[in-house]
Amino acid sequence: YIEDFQHKFNKGKYKAENLDYKKLHAKS
């Protein structure tokens, strides 16, 4: 039941980048 629920619940292929992290990485 939980595995079936998981397939319906999961959403999106990748999580969006964190802009703050991206800015600090670019700065370094």
mmCIF file of all heavy atoms, coordinates in Angstrom:
data_MODEL
# 
_entry.id   MODEL 
# 
loop_
_atom_site.group_PDB 
_atom_site.id 
_atom_site.type_symbol 
_atom_site.label_atom_id 
_atom_site.label_alt_id 
_atom_site.label_comp_id 
_atom_site.label_asym_id 
_atom_site.label_entity_id 
_atom_site.label_seq_id 
_atom_site.pdbx_PDB_ins_code 
_atom_site.Cartn_x 
_atom_site.Cartn_y 
_atom_site.Cartn_z 
_atom_site.occupancy 
_atom_site.B_iso_or_equiv 
_atom_site.pdbx_formal_charge 
_atom_site.auth_seq_id 
_atom_site.auth_comp_id 
_atom_site.auth_asym_id 
_atom_site.auth_atom_id 
_atom_site.pdbx_PDB_model_num 
ATOM 1   N N   . TYR A 1 1  ? 0.833  -1.201 0.000   1.00 0.00 ? 1  TYR A N   1 
ATOM 2   C CA  . TYR A 1 1  ? 0.000  0.000  0.000   1.00 0.00 ? 1  TYR A CA  1 
ATOM 3   C C   . TYR A 1 1  ? 0.872  1.257  0.000   1.00 0.00 ? 1  TYR A C   1 
ATOM 4   O O   . TYR A 1 1  ? 0.633  2.203  -0.775  1.00 0.00 ? 1  TYR A O   1 
ATOM 5   C CB  . TYR A 1 1  ? -0.918 0.013  1.222   1.00 0.00 ? 1  TYR A CB  1 
ATOM 6   C CG  . TYR A 1 1  ? -1.696 1.296  1.370   1.00 0.00 ? 1  TYR A CG  1 
ATOM 7   C CD1 . TYR A 1 1  ? -2.829 1.547  0.605   1.00 0.00 ? 1  TYR A CD1 1 
ATOM 8   C CD2 . TYR A 1 1  ? -1.280 2.277  2.270   1.00 0.00 ? 1  TYR A CD2 1 
ATOM 9   C CE1 . TYR A 1 1  ? -3.536 2.735  0.728   1.00 0.00 ? 1  TYR A CE1 1 
ATOM 10  C CE2 . TYR A 1 1  ? -1.975 3.471  2.397   1.00 0.00 ? 1  TYR A CE2 1 
ATOM 11  C CZ  . TYR A 1 1  ? -3.103 3.690  1.633   1.00 0.00 ? 1  TYR A CZ  1 
ATOM 12  O OH  . TYR A 1 1  ? -3.792 4.873  1.753   1.00 0.00 ? 1  TYR A OH  1 
ATOM 13  N N   . ILE A 1 2  ? 1.900  1.269  0.848   1.00 0.00 ? 2  ILE A N   1 
ATOM 14  C CA  . ILE A 1 2  ? 2.763  2.456  0.937   1.00 0.00 ? 2  ILE A CA  1 
ATOM 15  C C   . ILE A 1 2  ? 3.560  2.633  -0.349  1.00 0.00 ? 2  ILE A C   1 
ATOM 16  O O   . ILE A 1 2  ? 3.766  3.755  -0.819  1.00 0.00 ? 2  ILE A O   1 
ATOM 17  C CB  . ILE A 1 2  ? 3.689  2.360  2.167   1.00 0.00 ? 2  ILE A CB  1 
ATOM 18  C CG1 . ILE A 1 2  ? 2.854  2.492  3.448   1.00 0.00 ? 2  ILE A CG1 1 
ATOM 19  C CG2 . ILE A 1 2  ? 4.766  3.448  2.130   1.00 0.00 ? 2  ILE A CG2 1 
ATOM 20  C CD1 . ILE A 1 2  ? 3.634  2.396  4.733   1.00 0.00 ? 2  ILE A CD1 1 
ATOM 21  N N   . GLU A 1 3  ? 4.003  1.543  -0.963  1.00 0.00 ? 3  GLU A N   1 
ATOM 22  C CA  . GLU A 1 3  ? 4.738  1.653  -2.224  1.00 0.00 ? 3  GLU A CA  1 
ATOM 23  C C   . GLU A 1 3  ? 3.846  2.209  -3.335  1.00 0.00 ? 3  GLU A C   1 
ATOM 24  O O   . GLU A 1 3  ? 4.282  3.030  -4.146  1.00 0.00 ? 3  GLU A O   1 
ATOM 25  C CB  . GLU A 1 3  ? 5.321  0.300  -2.608  1.00 0.00 ? 3  GLU A CB  1 
ATOM 26  C CG  . GLU A 1 3  ? 6.509  -0.089 -1.727  1.00 0.00 ? 3  GLU A CG  1 
ATOM 27  C CD  . GLU A 1 3  ? 6.997  -1.509 -1.964  1.00 0.00 ? 3  GLU A CD  1 
ATOM 28  O OE1 . GLU A 1 3  ? 6.595  -2.120 -2.984  1.00 0.00 ? 3  GLU A OE1 1 
ATOM 29  O OE2 . GLU A 1 3  ? 7.768  -2.019 -1.137  1.00 0.00 ? 3  GLU A OE2 1 
ATOM 30  N N   . ASP A 1 4  ? 2.584  1.768  -3.369  1.00 0.00 ? 4  ASP A N   1 
ATOM 31  C CA  . ASP A 1 4  ? 1.635  2.330  -4.346  1.00 0.00 ? 4  ASP A CA  1 
ATOM 32  C C   . ASP A 1 4  ? 1.390  3.811  -4.067  1.00 0.00 ? 4  ASP A C   1 
ATOM 33  O O   . ASP A 1 4  ? 1.344  4.640  -4.993  1.00 0.00 ? 4  ASP A O   1 
ATOM 34  C CB  . ASP A 1 4  ? 0.304  1.567  -4.303  1.00 0.00 ? 4  ASP A CB  1 
ATOM 35  C CG  . ASP A 1 4  ? 0.416  0.171  -4.893  1.00 0.00 ? 4  ASP A CG  1 
ATOM 36  O OD1 . ASP A 1 4  ? 1.392  -0.087 -5.627  1.00 0.00 ? 4  ASP A OD1 1 
ATOM 37  O OD2 . ASP A 1 4  ? -0.466 -0.658 -4.613  1.00 0.00 ? 4  ASP A OD2 1 
ATOM 38  N N   . PHE A 1 5  ? 1.219  4.140  -2.781  1.00 0.00 ? 5  PHE A N   1 
ATOM 39  C CA  . PHE A 1 5  ? 0.992  5.529  -2.383  1.00 0.00 ? 5  PHE A CA  1 
ATOM 40  C C   . PHE A 1 5  ? 2.202  6.385  -2.762  1.00 0.00 ? 5  PHE A C   1 
ATOM 41  O O   . PHE A 1 5  ? 2.058  7.525  -3.223  1.00 0.00 ? 5  PHE A O   1 
ATOM 42  C CB  . PHE A 1 5  ? 0.755  5.604  -0.872  1.00 0.00 ? 5  PHE A CB  1 
ATOM 43  C CG  . PHE A 1 5  ? 0.314  6.949  -0.382  1.00 0.00 ? 5  PHE A CG  1 
ATOM 44  C CD1 . PHE A 1 5  ? -1.025 7.232  -0.199  1.00 0.00 ? 5  PHE A CD1 1 
ATOM 45  C CD2 . PHE A 1 5  ? 1.246  7.942  -0.098  1.00 0.00 ? 5  PHE A CD2 1 
ATOM 46  C CE1 . PHE A 1 5  ? -1.438 8.472  0.248   1.00 0.00 ? 5  PHE A CE1 1 
ATOM 47  C CE2 . PHE A 1 5  ? 0.855  9.194  0.339   1.00 0.00 ? 5  PHE A CE2 1 
ATOM 48  C CZ  . PHE A 1 5  ? -0.497 9.459  0.523   1.00 0.00 ? 5  PHE A CZ  1 
ATOM 49  N N   . GLN A 1 6  ? 3.394  5.807  -2.596  1.00 0.00 ? 6  GLN A N   1 
ATOM 50  C CA  . GLN A 1 6  ? 4.636  6.515  -2.908  1.00 0.00 ? 6  GLN A CA  1 
ATOM 51  C C   . GLN A 1 6  ? 4.694  6.934  -4.375  1.00 0.00 ? 6  GLN A C   1 
ATOM 52  O O   . GLN A 1 6  ? 5.076  8.066  -4.694  1.00 0.00 ? 6  GLN A O   1 
ATOM 53  C CB  . GLN A 1 6  ? 5.819  5.611  -2.560  1.00 0.00 ? 6  GLN A CB  1 
ATOM 54  C CG  . GLN A 1 6  ? 7.190  6.210  -2.752  1.00 0.00 ? 6  GLN A CG  1 
ATOM 55  C CD  . GLN A 1 6  ? 8.268  5.210  -2.420  1.00 0.00 ? 6  GLN A CD  1 
ATOM 56  O OE1 . GLN A 1 6  ? 8.209  4.053  -2.831  1.00 0.00 ? 6  GLN A OE1 1 
ATOM 57  N NE2 . GLN A 1 6  ? 9.257  5.633  -1.656  1.00 0.00 ? 6  GLN A NE2 1 
ATOM 58  N N   . HIS A 1 7  ? 4.282  6.033  -5.275  1.00 0.00 ? 7  HIS A N   1 
ATOM 59  C CA  . HIS A 1 7  ? 4.304  6.340  -6.705  1.00 0.00 ? 7  HIS A CA  1 
ATOM 60  C C   . HIS A 1 7  ? 3.379  7.508  -7.036  1.00 0.00 ? 7  HIS A C   1 
ATOM 61  O O   . HIS A 1 7  ? 3.688  8.333  -7.907  1.00 0.00 ? 7  HIS A O   1 
ATOM 62  C CB  . HIS A 1 7  ? 3.906  5.108  -7.520  1.00 0.00 ? 7  HIS A CB  1 
ATOM 63  C CG  . HIS A 1 7  ? 4.908  3.998  -7.459  1.00 0.00 ? 7  HIS A CG  1 
ATOM 64  N ND1 . HIS A 1 7  ? 6.256  4.198  -7.659  1.00 0.00 ? 7  HIS A ND1 1 
ATOM 65  C CD2 . HIS A 1 7  ? 4.763  2.667  -7.209  1.00 0.00 ? 7  HIS A CD2 1 
ATOM 66  C CE1 . HIS A 1 7  ? 6.895  3.048  -7.540  1.00 0.00 ? 7  HIS A CE1 1 
ATOM 67  N NE2 . HIS A 1 7  ? 6.017  2.111  -7.266  1.00 0.00 ? 7  HIS A NE2 1 
ATOM 68  N N   . LYS A 1 8  ? 2.252  7.593  -6.330  1.00 0.00 ? 8  LYS A N   1 
ATOM 69  C CA  . LYS A 1 8  ? 1.308  8.685  -6.567  1.00 0.00 ? 8  LYS A CA  1 
ATOM 70  C C   . LYS A 1 8  ? 1.780  9.985  -5.906  1.00 0.00 ? 8  LYS A C   1 
ATOM 71  O O   . LYS A 1 8  ? 1.538  11.080 -6.425  1.00 0.00 ? 8  LYS A O   1 
ATOM 72  C CB  . LYS A 1 8  ? -0.072 8.309  -6.034  1.00 0.00 ? 8  LYS A CB  1 
ATOM 73  C CG  . LYS A 1 8  ? -0.675 7.090  -6.712  1.00 0.00 ? 8  LYS A CG  1 
ATOM 74  C CD  . LYS A 1 8  ? -1.940 6.640  -5.982  1.00 0.00 ? 8  LYS A CD  1 
ATOM 75  C CE  . LYS A 1 8  ? -2.460 5.323  -6.539  1.00 0.00 ? 8  LYS A CE  1 
ATOM 76  N NZ  . LYS A 1 8  ? -3.592 4.785  -5.748  1.00 0.00 ? 8  LYS A NZ  1 
ATOM 77  N N   . PHE A 1 9  ? 2.433  9.843  -4.750  1.00 0.00 ? 9  PHE A N   1 
ATOM 78  C CA  . PHE A 1 9  ? 2.843  11.018 -3.974  1.00 0.00 ? 9  PHE A CA  1 
ATOM 79  C C   . PHE A 1 9  ? 4.067  11.705 -4.579  1.00 0.00 ? 9  PHE A C   1 
ATOM 80  O O   . PHE A 1 9  ? 4.131  12.935 -4.653  1.00 0.00 ? 9  PHE A O   1 
ATOM 81  C CB  . PHE A 1 9  ? 3.141  10.601 -2.531  1.00 0.00 ? 9  PHE A CB  1 
ATOM 82  C CG  . PHE A 1 9  ? 3.626  11.715 -1.653  1.00 0.00 ? 9  PHE A CG  1 
ATOM 83  C CD1 . PHE A 1 9  ? 2.728  12.582 -1.043  1.00 0.00 ? 9  PHE A CD1 1 
ATOM 84  C CD2 . PHE A 1 9  ? 4.991  11.914 -1.427  1.00 0.00 ? 9  PHE A CD2 1 
ATOM 85  C CE1 . PHE A 1 9  ? 3.174  13.617 -0.233  1.00 0.00 ? 9  PHE A CE1 1 
ATOM 86  C CE2 . PHE A 1 9  ? 5.447  12.943 -0.629  1.00 0.00 ? 9  PHE A CE2 1 
ATOM 87  C CZ  . PHE A 1 9  ? 4.528  13.795 -0.026  1.00 0.00 ? 9  PHE A CZ  1 
ATOM 88  N N   . ASN A 1 10 ? 5.054  10.916 -5.003  1.00 0.00 ? 10 ASN A N   1 
ATOM 89  C CA  . ASN A 1 10 ? 6.298  11.488 -5.515  1.00 0.00 ? 10 ASN A CA  1 
ATOM 90  C C   . ASN A 1 10 ? 6.028  12.420 -6.693  1.00 0.00 ? 10 ASN A C   1 
ATOM 91  O O   . ASN A 1 10 ? 5.203  12.124 -7.552  1.00 0.00 ? 10 ASN A O   1 
ATOM 92  C CB  . ASN A 1 10 ? 7.270  10.390 -5.930  1.00 0.00 ? 10 ASN A CB  1 
ATOM 93  C CG  . ASN A 1 10 ? 7.835  9.640  -4.734  1.00 0.00 ? 10 ASN A CG  1 
ATOM 94  O OD1 . ASN A 1 10 ? 7.586  9.982  -3.587  1.00 0.00 ? 10 ASN A OD1 1 
ATOM 95  N ND2 . ASN A 1 10 ? 8.611  8.609  -5.000  1.00 0.00 ? 10 ASN A ND2 1 
ATOM 96  N N   . LYS A 1 11 ? 6.759  13.522 -6.717  1.00 0.00 ? 11 LYS A N   1 
ATOM 97  C CA  . LYS A 1 11 ? 6.505  14.565 -7.720  1.00 0.00 ? 11 LYS A CA  1 
ATOM 98  C C   . LYS A 1 11 ? 7.825  15.219 -8.116  1.00 0.00 ? 11 LYS A C   1 
ATOM 99  O O   . LYS A 1 11 ? 8.658  15.519 -7.260  1.00 0.00 ? 11 LYS A O   1 
ATOM 100 C CB  . LYS A 1 11 ? 5.559  15.615 -7.123  1.00 0.00 ? 11 LYS A CB  1 
ATOM 101 C CG  . LYS A 1 11 ? 5.182  16.760 -8.040  1.00 0.00 ? 11 LYS A CG  1 
ATOM 102 C CD  . LYS A 1 11 ? 4.261  17.712 -7.275  1.00 0.00 ? 11 LYS A CD  1 
ATOM 103 C CE  . LYS A 1 11 ? 3.872  18.919 -8.123  1.00 0.00 ? 11 LYS A CE  1 
ATOM 104 N NZ  . LYS A 1 11 ? 3.041  19.871 -7.355  1.00 0.00 ? 11 LYS A NZ  1 
ATOM 105 N N   . GLY A 1 12 ? 8.015  15.438 -9.409  1.00 0.00 ? 12 GLY A N   1 
ATOM 106 C CA  . GLY A 1 12 ? 9.205  16.127 -9.887  1.00 0.00 ? 12 GLY A CA  1 
ATOM 107 C C   . GLY A 1 12 ? 10.404 15.200 -10.032 1.00 0.00 ? 12 GLY A C   1 
ATOM 108 O O   . GLY A 1 12 ? 10.581 14.274 -9.250  1.00 0.00 ? 12 GLY A O   1 
ATOM 109 N N   . LYS A 1 13 ? 11.213 15.471 -11.034 1.00 0.00 ? 13 LYS A N   1 
ATOM 110 C CA  . LYS A 1 13 ? 12.396 14.644 -11.271 1.00 0.00 ? 13 LYS A CA  1 
ATOM 111 C C   . LYS A 1 13 ? 13.587 15.137 -10.470 1.00 0.00 ? 13 LYS A C   1 
ATOM 112 O O   . LYS A 1 13 ? 14.330 14.358 -9.881  1.00 0.00 ? 13 LYS A O   1 
ATOM 113 C CB  . LYS A 1 13 ? 12.730 14.646 -12.764 1.00 0.00 ? 13 LYS A CB  1 
ATOM 114 C CG  . LYS A 1 13 ? 13.730 13.577 -13.163 1.00 0.00 ? 13 LYS A CG  1 
ATOM 115 C CD  . LYS A 1 13 ? 13.855 13.473 -14.678 1.00 0.00 ? 13 LYS A CD  1 
ATOM 116 C CE  . LYS A 1 13 ? 14.810 12.343 -15.054 1.00 0.00 ? 13 LYS A CE  1 
ATOM 117 N NZ  . LYS A 1 13 ? 14.949 12.211 -16.535 1.00 0.00 ? 13 LYS A NZ  1 
ATOM 118 N N   . TYR A 1 14 ? 13.774 16.452 -10.442 1.00 0.00 ? 14 TYR A N   1 
ATOM 119 C CA  . TYR A 1 14 ? 14.889 17.050 -9.703  1.00 0.00 ? 14 TYR A CA  1 
ATOM 120 C C   . TYR A 1 14 ? 14.371 18.207 -8.864  1.00 0.00 ? 14 TYR A C   1 
ATOM 121 O O   . TYR A 1 14 ? 13.441 18.913 -9.261  1.00 0.00 ? 14 TYR A O   1 
ATOM 122 C CB  . TYR A 1 14 ? 15.972 17.578 -10.652 1.00 0.00 ? 14 TYR A CB  1 
ATOM 123 C CG  . TYR A 1 14 ? 16.551 16.529 -11.567 1.00 0.00 ? 14 TYR A CG  1 
ATOM 124 C CD1 . TYR A 1 14 ? 16.239 16.522 -12.926 1.00 0.00 ? 14 TYR A CD1 1 
ATOM 125 C CD2 . TYR A 1 14 ? 17.410 15.552 -11.077 1.00 0.00 ? 14 TYR A CD2 1 
ATOM 126 C CE1 . TYR A 1 14 ? 16.770 15.566 -13.778 1.00 0.00 ? 14 TYR A CE1 1 
ATOM 127 C CE2 . TYR A 1 14 ? 17.945 14.592 -11.911 1.00 0.00 ? 14 TYR A CE2 1 
ATOM 128 C CZ  . TYR A 1 14 ? 17.625 14.595 -13.265 1.00 0.00 ? 14 TYR A CZ  1 
ATOM 129 O OH  . TYR A 1 14 ? 18.141 13.641 -14.086 1.00 0.00 ? 14 TYR A OH  1 
ATOM 130 N N   . LYS A 1 15 ? 15.009 18.405 -7.726  1.00 0.00 ? 15 LYS A N   1 
ATOM 131 C CA  . LYS A 1 15 ? 14.671 19.564 -6.903  1.00 0.00 ? 15 LYS A CA  1 
ATOM 132 C C   . LYS A 1 15 ? 15.371 20.799 -7.475  1.00 0.00 ? 15 LYS A C   1 
ATOM 133 O O   . LYS A 1 15 ? 16.511 20.719 -7.938  1.00 0.00 ? 15 LYS A O   1 
ATOM 134 C CB  . LYS A 1 15 ? 15.131 19.314 -5.465  1.00 0.00 ? 15 LYS A CB  1 
ATOM 135 C CG  . LYS A 1 15 ? 14.648 20.368 -4.475  1.00 0.00 ? 15 LYS A CG  1 
ATOM 136 C CD  . LYS A 1 15 ? 15.132 20.082 -3.069  1.00 0.00 ? 15 LYS A CD  1 
ATOM 137 C CE  . LYS A 1 15 ? 14.331 18.973 -2.427  1.00 0.00 ? 15 LYS A CE  1 
ATOM 138 N NZ  . LYS A 1 15 ? 14.621 18.835 -0.989  1.00 0.00 ? 15 LYS A NZ  1 
ATOM 139 N N   . ALA A 1 16 ? 14.685 21.927 -7.445  1.00 0.00 ? 16 ALA A N   1 
ATOM 140 C CA  . ALA A 1 16 ? 15.255 23.170 -7.984  1.00 0.00 ? 16 ALA A CA  1 
ATOM 141 C C   . ALA A 1 16 ? 16.490 23.586 -7.194  1.00 0.00 ? 16 ALA A C   1 
ATOM 142 O O   . ALA A 1 16 ? 16.613 23.310 -5.996  1.00 0.00 ? 16 ALA A O   1 
ATOM 143 C CB  . ALA A 1 16 ? 14.206 24.276 -7.937  1.00 0.00 ? 16 ALA A CB  1 
ATOM 144 N N   . GLU A 1 17 ? 17.416 24.276 -7.897  1.00 0.00 ? 17 GLU A N   1 
ATOM 145 C CA  . GLU A 1 17 ? 18.621 24.748 -7.233  1.00 0.00 ? 17 GLU A CA  1 
ATOM 146 C C   . GLU A 1 17 ? 18.281 25.835 -6.212  1.00 0.00 ? 17 GLU A C   1 
ATOM 147 O O   . GLU A 1 17 ? 17.382 26.660 -6.433  1.00 0.00 ? 17 GLU A O   1 
ATOM 148 C CB  . GLU A 1 17 ? 19.610 25.312 -8.252  1.00 0.00 ? 17 GLU A CB  1 
ATOM 149 C CG  . GLU A 1 17 ? 20.352 24.261 -9.050  1.00 0.00 ? 17 GLU A CG  1 
ATOM 150 C CD  . GLU A 1 17 ? 21.467 24.883 -9.883  1.00 0.00 ? 17 GLU A CD  1 
ATOM 151 O OE1 . GLU A 1 17 ? 21.141 25.483 -10.913 1.00 0.00 ? 17 GLU A OE1 1 
ATOM 152 O OE2 . GLU A 1 17 ? 22.629 24.759 -9.483  1.00 0.00 ? 17 GLU A OE2 1 
ATOM 153 N N   . ASN A 1 18 ? 19.030 25.863 -5.112  1.00 0.00 ? 18 ASN A N   1 
ATOM 154 C CA  . ASN A 1 18 ? 18.899 26.928 -4.121  1.00 0.00 ? 18 ASN A CA  1 
ATOM 155 C C   . ASN A 1 18 ? 19.683 28.137 -4.624  1.00 0.00 ? 18 ASN A C   1 
ATOM 156 O O   . ASN A 1 18 ? 20.897 28.072 -4.826  1.00 0.00 ? 18 ASN A O   1 
ATOM 157 C CB  . ASN A 1 18 ? 19.476 26.442 -2.777  1.00 0.00 ? 18 ASN A CB  1 
ATOM 158 C CG  . ASN A 1 18 ? 19.234 27.438 -1.655  1.00 0.00 ? 18 ASN A CG  1 
ATOM 159 O OD1 . ASN A 1 18 ? 19.104 28.635 -1.887  1.00 0.00 ? 18 ASN A OD1 1 
ATOM 160 N ND2 . ASN A 1 18 ? 19.207 26.937 -0.444  1.00 0.00 ? 18 ASN A ND2 1 
ATOM 161 N N   . LEU A 1 19 ? 18.993 29.272 -4.849  1.00 0.00 ? 19 LEU A N   1 
ATOM 162 C CA  . LEU A 1 19 ? 19.648 30.449 -5.421  1.00 0.00 ? 19 LEU A CA  1 
ATOM 163 C C   . LEU A 1 19 ? 20.753 30.984 -4.529  1.00 0.00 ? 19 LEU A C   1 
ATOM 164 O O   . LEU A 1 19 ? 21.798 31.452 -5.011  1.00 0.00 ? 19 LEU A O   1 
ATOM 165 C CB  . LEU A 1 19 ? 18.607 31.540 -5.697  1.00 0.00 ? 19 LEU A CB  1 
ATOM 166 C CG  . LEU A 1 19 ? 17.583 31.213 -6.797  1.00 0.00 ? 19 LEU A CG  1 
ATOM 167 C CD1 . LEU A 1 19 ? 16.592 32.355 -6.967  1.00 0.00 ? 19 LEU A CD1 1 
ATOM 168 C CD2 . LEU A 1 19 ? 18.286 30.915 -8.124  1.00 0.00 ? 19 LEU A CD2 1 
ATOM 169 N N   . ASP A 1 20 ? 20.547 30.917 -3.194  1.00 0.00 ? 20 ASP A N   1 
ATOM 170 C CA  . ASP A 1 20 ? 21.589 31.401 -2.264  1.00 0.00 ? 20 ASP A CA  1 
ATOM 171 C C   . ASP A 1 20 ? 22.847 30.551 -2.398  1.00 0.00 ? 20 ASP A C   1 
ATOM 172 O O   . ASP A 1 20 ? 23.966 31.080 -2.409  1.00 0.00 ? 20 ASP A O   1 
ATOM 173 C CB  . ASP A 1 20 ? 21.081 31.346 -0.822  1.00 0.00 ? 20 ASP A CB  1 
ATOM 174 C CG  . ASP A 1 20 ? 20.004 32.385 -0.563  1.00 0.00 ? 20 ASP A CG  1 
ATOM 175 O OD1 . ASP A 1 20 ? 19.971 33.398 -1.289  1.00 0.00 ? 20 ASP A OD1 1 
ATOM 176 O OD2 . ASP A 1 20 ? 19.196 32.178 0.360   1.00 0.00 ? 20 ASP A OD2 1 
ATOM 177 N N   . TYR A 1 21 ? 22.653 29.228 -2.485  1.00 0.00 ? 21 TYR A N   1 
ATOM 178 C CA  . TYR A 1 21 ? 23.795 28.322 -2.654  1.00 0.00 ? 21 TYR A CA  1 
ATOM 179 C C   . TYR A 1 21 ? 24.505 28.620 -3.980  1.00 0.00 ? 21 TYR A C   1 
ATOM 180 O O   . TYR A 1 21 ? 25.739 28.675 -4.054  1.00 0.00 ? 21 TYR A O   1 
ATOM 181 C CB  . TYR A 1 21 ? 23.314 26.879 -2.617  1.00 0.00 ? 21 TYR A CB  1 
ATOM 182 C CG  . TYR A 1 21 ? 24.420 25.840 -2.755  1.00 0.00 ? 21 TYR A CG  1 
ATOM 183 C CD1 . TYR A 1 21 ? 25.030 25.288 -1.631  1.00 0.00 ? 21 TYR A CD1 1 
ATOM 184 C CD2 . TYR A 1 21 ? 24.848 25.420 -4.020  1.00 0.00 ? 21 TYR A CD2 1 
ATOM 185 C CE1 . TYR A 1 21 ? 26.037 24.342 -1.759  1.00 0.00 ? 21 TYR A CE1 1 
ATOM 186 C CE2 . TYR A 1 21 ? 25.851 24.481 -4.164  1.00 0.00 ? 21 TYR A CE2 1 
ATOM 187 C CZ  . TYR A 1 21 ? 26.439 23.939 -3.028  1.00 0.00 ? 21 TYR A CZ  1 
ATOM 188 O OH  . TYR A 1 21 ? 27.443 23.008 -3.157  1.00 0.00 ? 21 TYR A OH  1 
ATOM 189 N N   . LYS A 1 22 ? 23.715 28.825 -5.027  1.00 0.00 ? 22 LYS A N   1 
ATOM 190 C CA  . LYS A 1 22 ? 24.270 29.070 -6.364  1.00 0.00 ? 22 LYS A CA  1 
ATOM 191 C C   . LYS A 1 22 ? 25.103 30.348 -6.381  1.00 0.00 ? 22 LYS A C   1 
ATOM 192 O O   . LYS A 1 22 ? 26.198 30.400 -6.979  1.00 0.00 ? 22 LYS A O   1 
ATOM 193 C CB  . LYS A 1 22 ? 23.113 29.165 -7.360  1.00 0.00 ? 22 LYS A CB  1 
ATOM 194 C CG  . LYS A 1 22 ? 23.544 29.199 -8.817  1.00 0.00 ? 22 LYS A CG  1 
ATOM 195 C CD  . LYS A 1 22 ? 22.316 29.184 -9.721  1.00 0.00 ? 22 LYS A CD  1 
ATOM 196 C CE  . LYS A 1 22 ? 22.741 29.207 -11.199 1.00 0.00 ? 22 LYS A CE  1 
ATOM 197 N NZ  . LYS A 1 22 ? 21.559 29.187 -12.092 1.00 0.00 ? 22 LYS A NZ  1 
ATOM 198 N N   . LYS A 1 23 ? 24.608 31.409 -5.697  1.00 0.00 ? 23 LYS A N   1 
ATOM 199 C CA  . LYS A 1 23 ? 25.334 32.682 -5.647  1.00 0.00 ? 23 LYS A CA  1 
ATOM 200 C C   . LYS A 1 23 ? 26.651 32.545 -4.899  1.00 0.00 ? 23 LYS A C   1 
ATOM 201 O O   . LYS A 1 23 ? 27.692 33.063 -5.322  1.00 0.00 ? 23 LYS A O   1 
ATOM 202 C CB  . LYS A 1 23 ? 24.465 33.745 -4.980  1.00 0.00 ? 23 LYS A CB  1 
ATOM 203 C CG  . LYS A 1 23 ? 23.291 34.206 -5.825  1.00 0.00 ? 23 LYS A CG  1 
ATOM 204 C CD  . LYS A 1 23 ? 22.408 35.179 -5.042  1.00 0.00 ? 23 LYS A CD  1 
ATOM 205 C CE  . LYS A 1 23 ? 21.176 35.590 -5.854  1.00 0.00 ? 23 LYS A CE  1 
ATOM 206 N NZ  . LYS A 1 23 ? 20.288 36.476 -5.062  1.00 0.00 ? 23 LYS A NZ  1 
ATOM 207 N N   . LEU A 1 24 ? 26.623 31.817 -3.755  1.00 0.00 ? 24 LEU A N   1 
ATOM 208 C CA  . LEU A 1 24 ? 27.840 31.643 -2.961  1.00 0.00 ? 24 LEU A CA  1 
ATOM 209 C C   . LEU A 1 24 ? 28.863 30.788 -3.709  1.00 0.00 ? 24 LEU A C   1 
ATOM 210 O O   . LEU A 1 24 ? 30.070 31.037 -3.629  1.00 0.00 ? 24 LEU A O   1 
ATOM 211 C CB  . LEU A 1 24 ? 27.489 31.002 -1.615  1.00 0.00 ? 24 LEU A CB  1 
ATOM 212 C CG  . LEU A 1 24 ? 26.748 31.913 -0.636  1.00 0.00 ? 24 LEU A CG  1 
ATOM 213 C CD1 . LEU A 1 24 ? 26.158 31.096 0.512   1.00 0.00 ? 24 LEU A CD1 1 
ATOM 214 C CD2 . LEU A 1 24 ? 27.702 32.989 -0.091  1.00 0.00 ? 24 LEU A CD2 1 
ATOM 215 N N   . HIS A 1 25 ? 28.363 29.772 -4.434  1.00 0.00 ? 25 HIS A N   1 
ATOM 216 C CA  . HIS A 1 25 ? 29.262 28.938 -5.222  1.00 0.00 ? 25 HIS A CA  1 
ATOM 217 C C   . HIS A 1 25 ? 29.916 29.762 -6.334  1.00 0.00 ? 25 HIS A C   1 
ATOM 218 O O   . HIS A 1 25 ? 31.138 29.656 -6.566  1.00 0.00 ? 25 HIS A O   1 
ATOM 219 C CB  . HIS A 1 25 ? 28.490 27.768 -5.830  1.00 0.00 ? 25 HIS A CB  1 
ATOM 220 C CG  . HIS A 1 25 ? 29.339 26.877 -6.696  1.00 0.00 ? 25 HIS A CG  1 
ATOM 221 N ND1 . HIS A 1 25 ? 30.296 26.031 -6.174  1.00 0.00 ? 25 HIS A ND1 1 
ATOM 222 C CD2 . HIS A 1 25 ? 29.386 26.711 -8.052  1.00 0.00 ? 25 HIS A CD2 1 
ATOM 223 C CE1 . HIS A 1 25 ? 30.895 25.383 -7.168  1.00 0.00 ? 25 HIS A CE1 1 
ATOM 224 N NE2 . HIS A 1 25 ? 30.359 25.778 -8.309  1.00 0.00 ? 25 HIS A NE2 1 
ATOM 225 N N   . ALA A 1 26 ? 29.109 30.584 -7.001  1.00 0.00 ? 26 ALA A N   1 
ATOM 226 C CA  . ALA A 1 26 ? 29.640 31.427 -8.083  1.00 0.00 ? 26 ALA A CA  1 
ATOM 227 C C   . ALA A 1 26 ? 30.669 32.419 -7.531  1.00 0.00 ? 26 ALA A C   1 
ATOM 228 O O   . ALA A 1 26 ? 31.704 32.682 -8.168  1.00 0.00 ? 26 ALA A O   1 
ATOM 229 C CB  . ALA A 1 26 ? 28.497 32.168 -8.770  1.00 0.00 ? 26 ALA A CB  1 
ATOM 230 N N   . LYS A 1 27 ? 30.406 32.957 -6.328  1.00 0.00 ? 27 LYS A N   1 
ATOM 231 C CA  . LYS A 1 27 ? 31.335 33.906 -5.705  1.00 0.00 ? 27 LYS A CA  1 
ATOM 232 C C   . LYS A 1 27 ? 32.673 33.253 -5.406  1.00 0.00 ? 27 LYS A C   1 
ATOM 233 O O   . LYS A 1 27 ? 33.739 33.826 -5.692  1.00 0.00 ? 27 LYS A O   1 
ATOM 234 C CB  . LYS A 1 27 ? 30.714 34.463 -4.422  1.00 0.00 ? 27 LYS A CB  1 
ATOM 235 C CG  . LYS A 1 27 ? 31.598 35.480 -3.715  1.00 0.00 ? 27 LYS A CG  1 
ATOM 236 C CD  . LYS A 1 27 ? 30.926 36.007 -2.449  1.00 0.00 ? 27 LYS A CD  1 
ATOM 237 C CE  . LYS A 1 27 ? 31.827 37.015 -1.733  1.00 0.00 ? 27 LYS A CE  1 
ATOM 238 N NZ  . LYS A 1 27 ? 31.186 37.522 -0.484  1.00 0.00 ? 27 LYS A NZ  1 
ATOM 239 N N   . SER A 1 28 ? 32.639 32.046 -4.848  1.00 0.00 ? 28 SER A N   1 
ATOM 240 C CA  . SER A 1 28 ? 33.889 31.347 -4.524  1.00 0.00 ? 28 SER A CA  1 
ATOM 241 C C   . SER A 1 28 ? 34.680 31.026 -5.795  1.00 0.00 ? 28 SER A C   1 
ATOM 242 O O   . SER A 1 28 ? 35.914 31.117 -5.807  1.00 0.00 ? 28 SER A O   1 
ATOM 243 C CB  . SER A 1 28 ? 33.603 30.068 -3.729  1.00 0.00 ? 28 SER A CB  1 
ATOM 244 O OG  . SER A 1 28 ? 32.927 29.112 -4.527  1.00 0.00 ? 28 SER A OG  1 
# 
